[in-house]
Protein backbone atom coordinates (compact mmCIF):
# COMPACT_ATOMS: atom_id res chain seq x y z
CA UNK A 1 12.53 6.26 1.86
CA UNK A 2 14.05 5.49 5.26
CA UNK A 3 17.04 3.19 5.60
CA UNK A 4 16.81 0.95 8.65
CA UNK A 5 19.23 -1.22 10.55
CA UNK A 6 17.83 -4.73 10.55
CA UNK A 7 18.90 -8.30 9.92
CA UNK A 8 16.26 -8.59 7.17
CA UNK A 9 14.96 -5.14 6.19
CA UNK A 10 16.82 -2.43 4.29
CA UNK A 11 14.33 0.38 3.65
CA UNK A 12 10.81 1.45 4.55
CA UNK A 13 8.61 3.97 2.76
CA UNK A 14 4.97 5.02 3.04
CA UNK A 15 2.36 6.35 0.63
CA UNK A 16 0.00 8.16 3.01
CA UNK A 17 -2.53 8.95 0.27
CA UNK A 18 -3.07 5.23 -0.36
CA UNK A 19 -2.02 3.75 3.03
CA UNK A 20 0.71 1.61 1.46
CA UNK A 21 3.90 0.60 3.26
CA UNK A 22 6.81 -0.24 0.98
CA UNK A 23 9.49 -2.56 2.36
CA UNK A 24 12.79 -3.43 0.70
CA UNK A 25 14.52 -6.46 2.14
CA UNK A 26 18.27 -6.92 2.27
CA UNK A 27 18.05 -9.40 -0.63
CA UNK A 28 16.69 -6.55 -2.78
CA UNK A 29 13.08 -7.72 -2.96
CA UNK A 30 10.38 -5.04 -2.63
CA UNK A 31 6.94 -5.62 -1.14
CA UNK A 32 3.90 -3.36 -0.83
CA UNK A 33 1.53 -3.78 2.12
CA UNK A 34 -1.92 -2.28 1.58
CA UNK A 35 -4.27 -0.61 4.04
CA UNK A 36 -1.65 0.12 6.69
CA UNK A 37 -2.83 2.98 8.92
CA UNK A 38 -0.53 5.98 9.47
CA UNK A 39 -0.19 5.13 13.17
CA UNK A 40 1.12 1.65 12.34
CA UNK A 41 3.64 3.11 9.89
CA UNK A 42 4.80 5.64 12.50
CA UNK A 43 5.19 2.90 15.10
CA UNK A 44 7.10 0.78 12.55
CA UNK A 45 9.62 3.59 12.02
CA UNK A 46 9.95 4.21 15.76
CA UNK A 47 10.32 0.54 16.72
CA UNK A 48 13.48 -0.58 18.49
CA UNK A 49 13.49 -3.64 16.22
CA UNK A 50 12.04 -3.04 12.76
CA UNK A 51 12.17 -6.74 11.90
CA UNK A 52 10.30 -7.75 15.05
CA UNK A 53 7.68 -5.05 14.51
CA UNK A 54 7.24 -6.12 10.89
CA UNK A 55 6.69 -9.77 11.83
CA UNK A 56 4.40 -8.92 14.74
CA UNK A 57 2.28 -6.07 13.35
CA UNK A 58 2.39 -6.14 9.54
CA UNK A 59 3.19 -9.59 8.13
CA UNK A 60 0.00 -11.63 7.85
CA UNK A 61 -2.21 -8.69 8.81
CA UNK A 62 -2.27 -6.71 5.57
CA UNK A 63 -2.58 -7.82 1.95
CA UNK A 64 0.66 -7.49 0.04
CA UNK A 65 2.20 -7.61 -3.40
CA UNK A 66 5.78 -8.43 -4.30
CA UNK A 67 7.45 -5.96 -6.66
CA UNK A 68 10.61 -6.59 -8.63
């Protein structure tokens, strides 16, 4: 789990065996994004703006499930 500085995101994690990105938002909600390639996850972690990267490269591009 990696804590990130963002106006919307709190933490990012990755399950490489299943290509799942886990995102916890500042409001406490967790989401899983399926089929995310390792290179996209690595770029997400390295991004200058995690929120911008998320909205540009993950949201709407990968199926997701909300966890509580």
